[in-house]
C-alpha cells in the first residue's frame, strides 16, 4: 500500500516498479501499455492531493537521482532527486536555485509538476526556473521538451509523460538574513511589507489579531549558521506551539481561540544569516493536511480577511495558522499563478481530523475571489472549473493528445480535473 506524507491518501497499486535509469522507465511504460494498464509516477508523497494514486502501475522514481551536468548557469538533474539533495550539490559548487520551496523533501519532478513555489514577489516558482526537460511519453519514446511546449510541461501534473531529467536555471550562491516579528495583520498584508524583501511571508492564526511575519534579504556577510542545537530548539518551539495547541484544541475545542492568540504571542522576534536554502527550508515535525489557493494579488487582503471571518463565524476549531505567500505571474499553462501576480493562502488541518469542512469553506471563500487551487493540495474542483479558470487548457490538451493519446498516465483524479 502506498501512503502520502500526511496519511490522508492511500493507494494499492497492482505493481510498483522502481527503475534505475531512463531505459528502465521506458521499459515499464511500454510494458504497461502492452498490458492495457495505467501508469502514475510517484515521488516523495508530499502532495496532499491524490495525484499519485493508481490501481495499476506505480512508477517509483526514487532511484533516478543525481546531477547529470552543470554547465554555466544551467544544471540538469534526474527527476527523482529531492530538492534537498539538489540544494546541497549546488551549494557545493557555489550555486543556488533562484526559487526555494519551504520544504525540501519533494522530488524535482514532483515539485514542478504541481507548481511548488516559495514566496518571492519578484521571482517565479520552481516551474518558472525550468529551461528544459526529458520525458518518456505514452509510447515509451523519449522526448526532449523545450521552447514552445515547455509551458505545457512546466506544471504538467504527470499527465503528459514520465519526466526523467529536468534542467534548471541557477544563480551564484547567495546569503540571506532572515528575520521574524509580530505585525498587525493589515501591515503584513500591505505591499510595503510583502514586496519590500527578497522573500516574505506571514502566518496568522484564526481568532488572533496579529500575524507572525518572516522575511529575508540578501546580504554580503558570510553565513553565520546557528548551532545544530539552536536550530533544533527553534523548530521544536515553533512546532510545539502549533502541534501542542492542535492536540489540546482537539481535546477541548472551546480553547482554540485562546490557544491561537497565545501561540501568536509565544513566537517572538529574531534573525539568522546563512545560505538561502538553509534559511528558507523548514523540516516539519508535526503532520497535517493542506489546501492552498492562488488569488489574484489585488484580491489577497480581502480574501484573507473574509476567510478568517468565515472561520470565526462558523466556530471551526482551526489550530493551525493560515500561511500567506506571494509570487509573480507565471507562464506555465496550468500553473495556478498563470498570467497574473498571485497571493497564496494555505490552510491546514491536523492529521487524523476531517479536513473537508475547512477545505470546502476555503474553496467557497477564496474561489469567489478568483482563486485557483494548488494542484498538490486538497480542493473540490472538477473539469468545468478548470476549463473556466485556465485559458490555455485547450493548448495543454493538444500537447497531451500528442504525447499521451491513449491516456496511459491518467487516474480518476486527473480524469475529474482534465476529462
Protein backbone atom coordinates (compact mmCIF):
# COMPACT_ATOMS: atom_id res chain seq x y z
CA UNK A 1 0.00 0.00 0.00
CA UNK A 2 1.22 3.50 -0.85
CA UNK A 3 0.51 6.39 1.56
CA UNK A 4 1.27 10.06 1.15
CA UNK A 5 3.19 12.02 3.80
CA UNK A 6 0.11 13.27 5.64
CA UNK A 7 -1.58 9.88 5.65
CA UNK A 8 -4.62 11.46 4.01
CA UNK A 9 -4.49 9.27 0.89
CA UNK A 10 -3.69 5.59 0.50
CA UNK A 11 -3.49 3.55 -2.70
CA UNK A 12 -2.99 -0.10 -3.60
CA UNK A 13 -1.23 -0.30 -6.96
CA UNK A 14 -1.26 -3.70 -8.65
CA UNK A 15 2.50 -3.35 -9.02
CA UNK A 16 5.27 -0.91 -8.11
CA UNK A 17 8.24 -0.53 -10.47
CA UNK A 18 11.44 1.19 -9.34
CA UNK A 19 13.53 1.83 -12.47
CA UNK A 20 17.23 2.52 -12.06
CA UNK A 21 17.60 4.61 -15.21
CA UNK A 22 15.72 6.11 -18.14
CA UNK A 23 15.83 2.81 -20.02
CA UNK A 24 14.01 1.22 -17.11
CA UNK A 25 11.33 3.90 -17.26
CA UNK A 26 10.84 3.26 -20.97
CA UNK A 27 10.53 -0.47 -20.40
CA UNK A 28 7.99 -0.02 -17.62
CA UNK A 29 5.88 2.35 -19.72
CA UNK A 30 5.91 0.07 -22.77
CA UNK A 31 5.09 -3.00 -20.68
CA UNK A 32 2.13 -1.25 -19.05
CA UNK A 33 0.86 -0.07 -22.45
CA UNK A 34 1.01 -3.62 -23.84
CA UNK A 35 -1.00 -4.88 -20.87
CA UNK A 36 -3.60 -2.11 -21.01
CA UNK A 37 -2.54 -0.72 -17.63
CA UNK A 38 -2.22 2.86 -16.44
CA UNK A 39 0.96 4.36 -15.01
CA UNK A 40 1.41 7.03 -12.37
CA UNK A 41 4.84 8.41 -11.40
CA UNK A 42 5.42 8.54 -7.64
CA UNK A 43 7.74 11.00 -5.89
CA UNK A 44 8.18 11.64 -2.18
CA UNK A 45 4.47 11.68 -1.36
CA UNK A 46 4.44 15.29 -0.18
CA UNK A 47 1.35 16.22 -2.17
CA UNK A 48 -1.90 16.43 -0.25
CA UNK A 49 -3.95 15.56 -3.34
CA UNK A 50 -4.48 12.11 -4.93
CA UNK A 51 -2.31 12.90 -7.97
CA UNK A 52 -0.10 9.82 -7.48
CA UNK A 53 -2.85 7.29 -6.69
CA UNK A 54 -3.34 4.35 -9.04
CA UNK A 55 -4.76 0.83 -9.00
CA UNK A 56 -2.37 -0.15 -11.79
CA UNK A 57 1.37 0.61 -12.03
CA UNK A 58 3.08 2.97 -9.59
CA UNK A 59 6.39 4.14 -11.05
CA UNK A 60 8.68 4.88 -8.09
CA UNK A 61 11.42 7.26 -9.27
CA UNK A 62 13.39 7.28 -6.01
CA UNK A 63 16.41 5.59 -7.65
CA UNK A 64 16.52 8.01 -10.59
CA UNK A 65 18.67 10.58 -8.80
CA UNK A 66 21.76 12.73 -9.13
CA UNK A 67 23.04 15.67 -11.12
CA UNK A 68 23.65 14.91 -14.80
CA UNK A 69 25.73 18.01 -15.51
CA UNK A 70 26.33 21.61 -14.52
CA UNK A 71 27.14 23.94 -17.39
CA UNK A 72 27.40 27.67 -16.69
CA UNK A 73 24.09 28.86 -15.29
CA UNK A 74 22.26 25.60 -16.03
CA UNK A 75 22.03 22.39 -14.04
CA UNK A 76 20.47 19.18 -15.34
CA UNK A 77 19.26 16.74 -12.69
CA UNK A 78 17.43 13.39 -12.68
CA UNK A 79 13.77 13.52 -11.81
CA UNK A 80 13.82 11.58 -8.54
CA UNK A 81 16.40 13.83 -6.91
CA UNK A 82 14.96 15.64 -3.92
CA UNK A 83 15.13 19.40 -3.65
CA UNK A 84 17.30 18.97 -0.56
CA UNK A 85 19.81 16.87 -2.46
CA UNK A 86 19.88 19.37 -5.30
CA UNK A 87 20.34 22.32 -2.94
CA UNK A 88 23.30 20.60 -1.28
CA UNK A 89 25.02 19.77 -4.58
CA UNK A 90 24.54 23.29 -5.87
CA UNK A 91 25.86 24.82 -2.64
CA UNK A 92 29.00 22.71 -3.04
CA UNK A 93 29.53 24.41 -6.40
CA UNK A 94 28.67 27.90 -5.08
CA UNK A 95 25.37 27.87 -6.93
CA UNK A 96 21.71 28.05 -5.91
CA UNK A 97 18.20 27.83 -7.28
CA UNK A 98 16.57 31.23 -7.69
CA UNK A 99 13.34 29.93 -6.13
CA UNK A 100 13.23 27.82 -2.99
CA UNK A 101 10.34 25.87 -1.54
CA UNK A 102 9.87 25.82 2.22
CA UNK A 103 10.14 22.01 2.32
CA UNK A 104 12.96 20.23 0.50
CA UNK A 105 11.78 16.61 0.67
CA UNK A 106 9.79 16.64 -2.64
CA UNK A 107 11.45 15.39 -5.81
CA UNK A 108 12.28 17.90 -8.54
CA UNK A 109 9.78 16.26 -10.93
CA UNK A 110 7.01 16.29 -8.33
CA UNK A 111 7.74 19.87 -7.35
CA UNK A 112 7.47 21.27 -10.87
CA UNK A 113 4.53 19.02 -11.79
CA UNK A 114 2.39 20.57 -9.04
CA UNK A 115 3.59 24.19 -9.23
CA UNK A 116 5.54 24.18 -5.95
CA UNK A 117 6.53 27.73 -5.01
CA UNK A 118 8.19 29.88 -2.40
CA UNK A 119 7.32 33.46 -1.50
CA UNK A 120 9.31 35.89 -3.65
CA UNK A 121 7.22 38.59 -5.29
CA UNK A 122 9.84 39.14 -7.99
CA UNK A 123 10.97 35.55 -8.64
CA UNK A 124 8.85 32.81 -10.18
CA UNK A 125 8.30 29.33 -8.76
CA UNK A 126 10.48 26.27 -9.33
CA UNK A 127 8.48 25.63 -12.52
CA UNK A 128 9.50 29.04 -13.83
CA UNK A 129 13.19 28.14 -13.46
CA UNK A 130 12.86 25.11 -15.78
CA UNK A 131 14.70 25.60 -19.08
CA UNK A 132 14.20 22.10 -20.49
CA UNK A 133 13.31 18.53 -19.57
CA UNK A 134 13.25 14.96 -20.84
CA UNK A 135 10.25 12.71 -20.52
CA UNK A 136 9.04 9.29 -21.58
CA UNK A 137 5.75 9.73 -23.41
CA UNK A 138 2.85 7.34 -23.88
CA UNK A 139 4.51 5.11 -26.50
CA UNK A 140 7.66 4.67 -24.41
CA UNK A 141 9.72 7.01 -26.55
CA UNK A 142 11.86 9.79 -25.05
CA UNK A 143 11.21 13.40 -25.97
CA UNK A 144 13.21 16.50 -25.10
CA UNK A 145 10.81 19.31 -24.24
CA UNK A 146 11.90 22.89 -24.77
CA UNK A 147 10.76 26.18 -26.34
CA UNK A 148 7.12 26.20 -27.40
CA UNK A 149 5.83 23.22 -25.40
CA UNK A 150 7.81 23.88 -22.26
CA UNK A 151 4.95 25.90 -20.79
CA UNK A 152 2.75 22.82 -21.06
CA UNK A 153 5.26 20.66 -19.21
CA UNK A 154 6.29 23.20 -16.53
CA UNK A 155 3.24 22.24 -14.47
CA UNK A 156 2.14 19.07 -16.22
CA UNK A 157 0.53 17.16 -13.31
CA UNK A 158 2.22 14.00 -14.58
CA UNK A 159 -0.38 13.93 -17.37
CA UNK A 160 1.99 14.25 -20.32
CA UNK A 161 4.54 11.57 -19.52
CA UNK A 162 7.16 10.48 -17.01
CA UNK A 163 9.82 13.15 -16.52
CA UNK A 164 13.32 11.68 -16.32
CA UNK A 165 15.51 14.81 -16.29
CA UNK A 166 14.93 18.48 -15.51
CA UNK A 167 17.17 21.41 -16.42
CA UNK A 168 17.05 24.48 -14.18
CA UNK A 169 18.48 27.95 -14.46
CA UNK A 170 20.69 28.63 -11.43
CA UNK A 171 22.37 31.61 -9.76
CA UNK A 172 25.58 32.17 -7.81
CA UNK A 173 25.01 31.10 -4.22
CA UNK A 174 23.61 33.90 -2.06
CA UNK A 175 23.32 34.60 1.64
CA UNK A 176 20.10 35.77 3.26
CA UNK A 177 19.42 37.38 6.59
CA UNK A 178 16.03 36.11 7.70
CA UNK A 179 14.04 37.83 10.43
CA UNK A 180 10.71 37.34 12.10
CA UNK A 181 8.42 39.50 14.21
CA UNK A 182 4.78 40.03 15.05
CA UNK A 183 2.92 42.54 12.87
CA UNK A 184 -0.67 43.77 12.79
CA UNK A 185 -2.45 41.76 10.10
CA UNK A 186 -3.11 44.73 7.80
CA UNK A 187 0.57 45.70 7.90
CA UNK A 188 1.56 42.16 6.97
CA UNK A 189 -0.87 42.21 4.03
CA UNK A 190 0.43 45.53 2.70
CA UNK A 191 2.69 45.67 -0.39
CA UNK A 192 5.04 47.77 1.73
CA UNK A 193 5.86 44.53 3.55
CA UNK A 194 5.27 41.71 1.07
CA UNK A 195 7.07 43.39 -1.85
CA UNK A 196 9.85 45.06 0.12
CA UNK A 197 12.03 41.97 0.62
CA UNK A 198 13.74 39.28 -1.42
CA UNK A 199 11.46 36.79 0.35
CA UNK A 200 8.49 37.47 2.63
CA UNK A 201 5.56 35.55 4.06
CA UNK A 202 3.39 35.51 7.16
CA UNK A 203 1.16 33.26 9.19
CA UNK A 204 -1.98 34.30 11.02
CA UNK A 205 -3.94 32.16 13.45
CA UNK A 206 -7.73 32.29 13.31
CA UNK A 207 -9.02 34.23 16.31
CA UNK A 208 -5.71 36.13 16.68
CA UNK A 209 -5.16 39.81 15.83
CA UNK A 210 -1.50 39.81 14.84
CA UNK A 211 0.43 37.97 12.14
CA UNK A 212 3.75 36.15 12.51
CA UNK A 213 5.84 37.79 9.78
CA UNK A 214 9.01 36.24 8.33
CA UNK A 215 11.19 37.96 5.74
CA UNK A 216 14.68 37.69 4.27
CA UNK A 217 17.03 39.92 2.28
CA UNK A 218 20.32 39.24 0.55
CA UNK A 219 23.44 40.37 2.42
CA UNK A 220 27.17 40.35 1.64
CA UNK A 221 28.12 38.89 5.02
CA UNK A 222 29.46 35.39 5.45
CA UNK A 223 26.99 32.70 6.53
CA UNK A 224 26.52 32.53 10.29
CA UNK A 225 24.56 29.31 10.68
CA UNK A 226 23.15 28.62 14.12
CA UNK A 227 24.41 25.63 16.03
CA UNK A 228 22.59 22.37 15.44
CA UNK A 229 21.13 22.58 18.94
CA UNK A 230 19.81 26.15 18.50
CA UNK A 231 18.30 25.25 15.13
CA UNK A 232 16.64 22.20 16.63
CA UNK A 233 15.36 24.25 19.57
CA UNK A 234 13.71 26.79 17.25
CA UNK A 235 11.99 24.03 15.30
CA UNK A 236 10.81 22.29 18.44
CA UNK A 237 9.50 25.51 19.98
CA UNK A 238 7.63 26.51 16.84
CA UNK A 239 6.22 23.03 16.24
CA UNK A 240 5.29 22.61 19.87
CA UNK A 241 3.39 25.91 19.81
CA UNK A 242 1.35 24.68 16.86
CA UNK A 243 1.29 20.93 17.43
CA UNK A 244 0.66 21.15 21.15
CA UNK A 245 -2.07 23.69 20.57
CA UNK A 246 -3.69 21.49 17.96
CA UNK A 247 -3.64 18.49 20.30
CA UNK A 248 -5.15 20.49 23.18
CA UNK A 249 -7.66 22.15 20.88
CA UNK A 250 -8.87 18.76 19.64
CA UNK A 251 -9.41 17.69 23.25
CA UNK A 252 -11.05 20.94 24.38
CA UNK A 253 -12.30 22.72 21.20
CA UNK A 254 -13.58 25.78 23.06
CA UNK A 255 -9.96 26.64 23.94
CA UNK A 256 -8.86 27.02 20.28
CA UNK A 257 -9.25 30.86 20.11
CA UNK A 258 -7.28 31.28 23.35
CA UNK A 259 -4.61 28.82 22.24
CA UNK A 260 -4.18 30.59 18.88
CA UNK A 261 -3.77 34.00 20.49
CA UNK A 262 -1.21 32.57 22.92
CA UNK A 263 0.73 30.86 20.10
CA UNK A 264 0.99 34.19 18.27
CA UNK A 265 2.47 35.84 21.36
CA UNK A 266 4.75 32.85 22.01
CA UNK A 267 6.56 33.21 18.68
CA UNK A 268 8.83 36.21 19.13
CA UNK A 269 11.38 38.06 17.01
CA UNK A 270 14.86 37.11 15.89
CA UNK A 271 17.10 36.66 12.85
CA UNK A 272 19.56 34.25 11.25
CA UNK A 273 22.11 34.71 8.44
CA UNK A 274 23.01 31.76 6.21
CA UNK A 275 22.92 30.37 2.68
CA UNK A 276 19.48 30.84 1.18
CA UNK A 277 18.39 27.20 1.20
CA UNK A 278 19.36 26.79 4.86
CA UNK A 279 17.44 29.90 5.84
CA UNK A 280 14.21 29.24 3.95
CA UNK A 281 13.74 25.48 4.24
CA UNK A 282 11.86 24.10 7.25
CA UNK A 283 11.58 20.45 8.19
CA UNK A 284 8.17 19.84 9.69
CA UNK A 285 7.82 17.92 12.93
CA UNK A 286 4.03 17.72 13.14
CA UNK A 287 1.92 16.44 10.23
CA UNK A 288 -1.13 17.95 8.61
CA UNK A 289 -3.39 18.05 5.56
CA UNK A 290 -3.48 21.20 3.48
CA UNK A 291 -5.46 23.22 0.97
CA UNK A 292 -3.88 26.19 -0.80
CA UNK A 293 -5.30 28.75 -3.21
CA UNK A 294 -3.70 31.18 -5.65
CA UNK A 295 -5.55 34.51 -5.60
CA UNK A 296 -5.15 37.45 -7.93
CA UNK A 297 -2.76 39.63 -5.96
CA UNK A 298 -5.25 42.50 -5.72
CA UNK A 299 -7.76 40.16 -4.03
CA UNK A 300 -5.35 38.85 -1.39
CA UNK A 301 -6.22 41.17 1.51
CA UNK A 302 -9.98 40.81 1.09
CA UNK A 303 -9.68 37.05 0.69
CA UNK A 304 -7.65 36.61 3.88
CA UNK A 305 -9.98 38.81 5.95
CA UNK A 306 -13.10 37.08 4.65
CA UNK A 307 -11.68 33.61 5.26
CA UNK A 308 -10.68 34.46 8.83
CA UNK A 309 -14.15 35.94 9.45
CA UNK A 310 -15.84 32.87 7.96
CA UNK A 311 -13.81 30.51 10.17
CA UNK A 312 -14.77 32.58 13.21
CA UNK A 313 -18.44 32.85 12.23
CA UNK A 314 -18.71 29.09 11.87
CA UNK A 315 -16.73 28.40 15.02
CA UNK A 316 -14.37 25.98 13.28
CA UNK A 317 -11.66 24.52 15.51
CA UNK A 318 -8.69 25.52 13.36
CA UNK A 319 -5.49 25.21 15.38
CA UNK A 320 -3.05 25.83 12.53
CA UNK A 321 -2.36 29.30 11.15
CA UNK A 322 -3.21 30.44 7.65
CA UNK A 323 0.02 30.76 5.65
CA UNK A 324 0.22 33.66 3.21
CA UNK A 325 2.83 33.97 0.47
CA UNK A 326 3.25 35.85 -2.81
CA UNK A 327 4.69 35.35 -6.29
CA UNK A 328 4.75 36.89 -9.78
CA UNK A 329 2.75 35.85 -12.82
CA UNK A 330 3.81 32.51 -14.33
CA UNK A 331 3.91 31.41 -17.97
CA UNK A 332 3.12 27.73 -17.31
CA UNK A 333 -0.24 26.98 -18.87
CA UNK A 334 -1.61 25.12 -15.86
CA UNK A 335 0.34 26.89 -13.15
CA UNK A 336 -2.12 28.37 -10.61
CA UNK A 337 -0.32 31.73 -10.98
CA UNK A 338 -0.67 31.67 -14.77
CA UNK A 339 -0.73 35.16 -16.24
CA UNK A 340 -1.29 37.08 -13.00
CA UNK A 341 0.66 38.23 -9.92
CA UNK A 342 -0.51 35.99 -7.13
CA UNK A 343 -1.12 35.82 -3.41
CA UNK A 344 -1.11 32.31 -1.97
CA UNK A 345 -3.26 31.35 1.02
CA UNK A 346 -2.88 27.93 2.66
CA UNK A 347 -4.97 26.34 5.41
CA UNK A 348 -4.05 23.26 7.42
CA UNK A 349 -5.83 20.62 9.47
CA UNK A 350 -4.28 18.16 11.88
CA UNK A 351 -3.70 14.64 10.57
CA UNK A 352 -6.45 12.41 11.90
CA UNK A 353 -9.17 15.08 11.77
CA UNK A 354 -11.69 15.61 8.98
CA UNK A 355 -10.24 18.27 6.63
CA UNK A 356 -13.35 18.65 4.48
CA UNK A 357 -15.24 21.38 6.41
CA UNK A 358 -12.24 23.73 6.24
CA UNK A 359 -11.36 22.70 2.67
CA UNK A 360 -14.89 23.39 1.46
CA UNK A 361 -15.14 26.71 3.29
CA UNK A 362 -11.77 27.82 1.91
CA UNK A 363 -12.76 26.83 -1.63
CA UNK A 364 -16.02 28.75 -1.36
CA UNK A 365 -14.48 31.91 0.07
CA UNK A 366 -11.27 32.10 -1.94
CA UNK A 367 -12.84 30.68 -5.11
CA UNK A 368 -15.24 33.61 -5.05
CA UNK A 369 -12.21 35.92 -5.24
CA UNK A 370 -10.90 34.23 -8.37
CA UNK A 371 -8.74 31.72 -6.53
CA UNK A 372 -7.26 28.68 -8.26
CA UNK A 373 -6.29 25.60 -6.21
CA UNK A 374 -2.72 24.42 -5.80
CA UNK A 375 -2.57 21.06 -7.60
CA UNK A 376 -0.65 19.38 -4.80
CA UNK A 377 -3.20 20.31 -2.15
CA UNK A 378 -6.80 19.34 -1.33
CA UNK A 379 -9.60 21.03 -3.28
CA UNK A 380 -13.04 20.17 -4.76
CA UNK A 381 -12.57 21.39 -8.35
CA UNK A 382 -13.68 19.43 -11.41
CA UNK A 383 -13.08 19.82 -15.16
CA UNK A 384 -15.69 22.53 -15.63
CA UNK A 385 -13.98 24.81 -13.11
CA UNK A 386 -10.54 24.09 -14.55
CA UNK A 387 -11.70 24.93 -18.09
CA UNK A 388 -13.16 28.20 -16.87
CA UNK A 389 -10.06 29.25 -14.94
CA UNK A 390 -7.28 28.28 -17.39
CA UNK A 391 -7.36 29.99 -20.80
CA UNK A 392 -4.54 27.78 -22.13
CA UNK A 393 -6.18 24.49 -21.20
CA UNK A 394 -7.04 23.74 -24.84
CA UNK A 395 -3.39 24.16 -25.82
CA UNK A 396 -2.37 21.86 -22.97
CA UNK A 397 -4.84 19.22 -24.10
CA UNK A 398 -3.44 19.35 -27.63
CA UNK A 399 0.04 18.58 -26.29
CA UNK A 400 -1.43 15.85 -24.11
CA UNK A 401 -3.23 14.31 -27.09
CA UNK A 402 0.06 14.12 -28.97
CA UNK A 403 2.21 12.78 -26.13
CA UNK A 404 -0.34 10.50 -24.45
CA UNK A 405 -3.22 9.87 -26.87
CA UNK A 406 -4.31 6.69 -25.06
CA UNK A 407 -4.26 8.33 -21.61
CA UNK A 408 -1.71 5.90 -20.23
CA UNK A 409 -0.80 8.39 -17.48
CA UNK A 410 -4.25 9.18 -16.14
CA UNK A 411 -6.06 8.24 -12.93
CA UNK A 412 -9.53 9.07 -11.57
CA UNK A 413 -8.31 12.36 -10.10
CA UNK A 414 -6.84 13.56 -13.41
CA UNK A 415 -9.93 12.39 -15.24
CA UNK A 416 -12.03 14.53 -12.91
CA UNK A 417 -9.77 17.56 -13.49
CA UNK A 418 -8.93 17.31 -17.18
CA UNK A 419 -11.52 14.98 -18.68
